[in-house]
Amino acid sequence: MLSADDYSIALRVKDQNQSAARKEARDYCGDRNRDARLRTVTPTGDNRTVLTFGCV
């Protein structure tokens, strides 16, 4: 996890683990009684990507 607060979460994951990141974001936002919505996808090289989700 790169960062998180009550309204968003950013995860840096290997490209093949993006579905696991989506599940983690759903769980994280769900714990705050919110839904996870994908905001940005940023490739960082080295087969990794930063996925940023908003908790709405």
N, C-alpha and C. Protein backbone atom coordinates (compact mmCIF):
# COMPACT_ATOMS: atom_id res chain seq x y z
N MET A 1 0.85 -1.16 0.00
CA MET A 1 0.00 0.00 0.00
C MET A 1 0.90 1.23 0.00
N LEU A 2 0.60 2.15 -0.90
CA LEU A 2 1.36 3.40 -0.93
C LEU A 2 0.78 4.43 0.03
N SER A 3 -0.54 4.58 -0.02
CA SER A 3 -1.18 5.54 0.88
C SER A 3 -2.65 5.19 1.01
N ALA A 4 -3.26 5.70 2.08
CA ALA A 4 -4.68 5.46 2.30
C ALA A 4 -5.22 6.49 3.29
N ASP A 5 -6.48 6.84 3.10
CA ASP A 5 -7.21 7.63 4.07
C ASP A 5 -8.68 7.20 3.97
N ASP A 6 -9.58 7.93 4.57
CA ASP A 6 -10.99 7.52 4.56
C ASP A 6 -11.61 7.60 3.17
N TYR A 7 -10.99 8.32 2.25
CA TYR A 7 -11.61 8.56 0.95
C TYR A 7 -10.88 7.93 -0.22
N SER A 8 -9.70 7.37 -0.01
CA SER A 8 -8.97 6.77 -1.13
C SER A 8 -7.90 5.81 -0.64
N ILE A 9 -7.44 4.98 -1.59
CA ILE A 9 -6.35 4.06 -1.32
C ILE A 9 -5.55 3.92 -2.61
N ALA A 10 -4.22 3.92 -2.49
CA ALA A 10 -3.34 3.73 -3.63
C ALA A 10 -2.49 2.49 -3.37
N LEU A 11 -2.46 1.60 -4.36
CA LEU A 11 -1.74 0.34 -4.23
C LEU A 11 -0.76 0.19 -5.39
N ARG A 12 0.47 -0.19 -5.10
CA ARG A 12 1.46 -0.48 -6.14
C ARG A 12 1.61 -2.00 -6.20
N VAL A 13 1.27 -2.56 -7.35
CA VAL A 13 1.23 -4.02 -7.47
C VAL A 13 1.90 -4.45 -8.77
N LYS A 14 2.29 -5.72 -8.80
CA LYS A 14 2.75 -6.32 -10.05
C LYS A 14 1.55 -6.39 -10.98
N ASP A 15 1.82 -6.28 -12.28
CA ASP A 15 0.74 -6.24 -13.25
C ASP A 15 -0.21 -7.43 -13.12
N GLN A 16 0.32 -8.61 -12.84
CA GLN A 16 -0.53 -9.80 -12.74
C GLN A 16 -1.35 -9.84 -11.46
N ASN A 17 -1.12 -8.92 -10.52
CA ASN A 17 -1.85 -8.90 -9.24
C ASN A 17 -2.90 -7.80 -9.17
N GLN A 18 -3.28 -7.23 -10.31
CA GLN A 18 -4.24 -6.13 -10.28
C GLN A 18 -5.60 -6.56 -9.73
N SER A 19 -6.02 -7.78 -10.00
CA SER A 19 -7.32 -8.22 -9.47
C SER A 19 -7.28 -8.33 -7.95
N ALA A 20 -6.15 -8.73 -7.39
CA ALA A 20 -6.00 -8.79 -5.93
C ALA A 20 -6.06 -7.38 -5.34
N ALA A 21 -5.48 -6.40 -6.05
CA ALA A 21 -5.52 -5.02 -5.58
C ALA A 21 -6.96 -4.50 -5.59
N ARG A 22 -7.72 -4.86 -6.61
CA ARG A 22 -9.12 -4.44 -6.66
C ARG A 22 -9.89 -5.01 -5.47
N LYS A 23 -9.63 -6.27 -5.13
CA LYS A 23 -10.30 -6.89 -3.99
C LYS A 23 -9.90 -6.19 -2.69
N GLU A 24 -8.61 -5.89 -2.55
CA GLU A 24 -8.16 -5.19 -1.34
C GLU A 24 -8.82 -3.83 -1.21
N ALA A 25 -8.94 -3.11 -2.33
CA ALA A 25 -9.60 -1.80 -2.30
C ALA A 25 -11.07 -1.93 -1.94
N ARG A 26 -11.75 -2.95 -2.48
CA ARG A 26 -13.16 -3.17 -2.13
C ARG A 26 -13.30 -3.43 -0.63
N ASP A 27 -12.41 -4.27 -0.09
CA ASP A 27 -12.45 -4.57 1.34
C ASP A 27 -12.16 -3.33 2.18
N TYR A 28 -11.12 -2.57 1.78
CA TYR A 28 -10.72 -1.37 2.52
C TYR A 28 -11.87 -0.36 2.56
N CYS A 29 -12.45 -0.08 1.40
CA CYS A 29 -13.54 0.90 1.34
C CYS A 29 -14.79 0.34 2.01
N GLY A 30 -15.02 -0.96 1.87
CA GLY A 30 -16.18 -1.59 2.50
C GLY A 30 -16.14 -1.47 4.00
N ASP A 31 -14.95 -1.53 4.59
CA ASP A 31 -14.80 -1.35 6.03
C ASP A 31 -15.23 0.05 6.48
N ARG A 32 -15.27 0.97 5.54
CA ARG A 32 -15.68 2.35 5.82
C ARG A 32 -17.08 2.63 5.29
N ASN A 33 -17.81 1.54 4.98
CA ASN A 33 -19.18 1.63 4.44
C ASN A 33 -19.23 2.45 3.16
N ARG A 34 -18.25 2.24 2.30
CA ARG A 34 -18.18 2.93 1.02
C ARG A 34 -17.86 1.92 -0.07
N ASP A 35 -18.08 2.32 -1.32
CA ASP A 35 -17.74 1.49 -2.47
C ASP A 35 -16.42 1.97 -3.06
N ALA A 36 -15.63 1.03 -3.58
CA ALA A 36 -14.35 1.38 -4.21
C ALA A 36 -14.59 1.66 -5.69
N ARG A 37 -14.06 2.78 -6.16
CA ARG A 37 -14.14 3.15 -7.58
C ARG A 37 -12.73 3.43 -8.08
N LEU A 38 -12.35 2.77 -9.15
CA LEU A 38 -11.03 2.96 -9.72
C LEU A 38 -10.92 4.38 -10.28
N ARG A 39 -9.90 5.10 -9.86
CA ARG A 39 -9.68 6.47 -10.33
C ARG A 39 -8.59 6.53 -11.39
N THR A 40 -7.42 5.97 -11.07
CA THR A 40 -6.31 6.06 -12.01
C THR A 40 -5.54 4.75 -12.05
N VAL A 41 -4.92 4.51 -13.20
CA VAL A 41 -4.01 3.38 -13.40
C VAL A 41 -2.73 3.98 -13.96
N THR A 42 -1.63 3.85 -13.22
CA THR A 42 -0.37 4.46 -13.63
C THR A 42 0.73 3.41 -13.68
N PRO A 43 1.16 3.02 -14.89
CA PRO A 43 2.29 2.09 -14.99
C PRO A 43 3.55 2.76 -14.45
N THR A 44 4.32 2.03 -13.65
CA THR A 44 5.54 2.60 -13.08
C THR A 44 6.80 1.92 -13.60
N GLY A 45 6.65 0.99 -14.52
CA GLY A 45 7.80 0.25 -15.02
C GLY A 45 8.06 -0.96 -14.15
N ASP A 46 9.01 -1.78 -14.56
CA ASP A 46 9.38 -2.97 -13.81
C ASP A 46 8.17 -3.87 -13.53
N ASN A 47 7.24 -3.93 -14.52
CA ASN A 47 6.03 -4.76 -14.42
C ASN A 47 5.17 -4.43 -13.22
N ARG A 48 5.14 -3.17 -12.82
CA ARG A 48 4.31 -2.74 -11.69
C ARG A 48 3.42 -1.57 -12.12
N THR A 49 2.31 -1.45 -11.41
CA THR A 49 1.33 -0.42 -11.70
C THR A 49 0.79 0.13 -10.38
N VAL A 50 0.52 1.42 -10.34
CA VAL A 50 -0.15 2.03 -9.19
C VAL A 50 -1.62 2.19 -9.56
N LEU A 51 -2.47 1.58 -8.74
CA LEU A 51 -3.92 1.70 -8.89
C LEU A 51 -4.43 2.59 -7.76
N THR A 52 -5.15 3.64 -8.11
CA THR A 52 -5.72 4.53 -7.10
C THR A 52 -7.23 4.38 -7.14
N PHE A 53 -7.80 4.12 -5.98
CA PHE A 53 -9.24 3.94 -5.85
C PHE A 53 -9.80 5.02 -4.95
N GLY A 54 -10.98 5.50 -5.29
CA GLY A 54 -11.72 6.39 -4.42
C GLY A 54 -12.76 5.60 -3.65
N CYS A 55 -12.97 5.95 -2.40
CA CYS A 55 -14.02 5.32 -1.59
C CYS A 55 -15.22 6.26 -1.61
N VAL A 56 -16.27 5.85 -2.31
CA VAL A 56 -17.45 6.71 -2.45
C VAL A 56 -18.68 6.08 -1.85
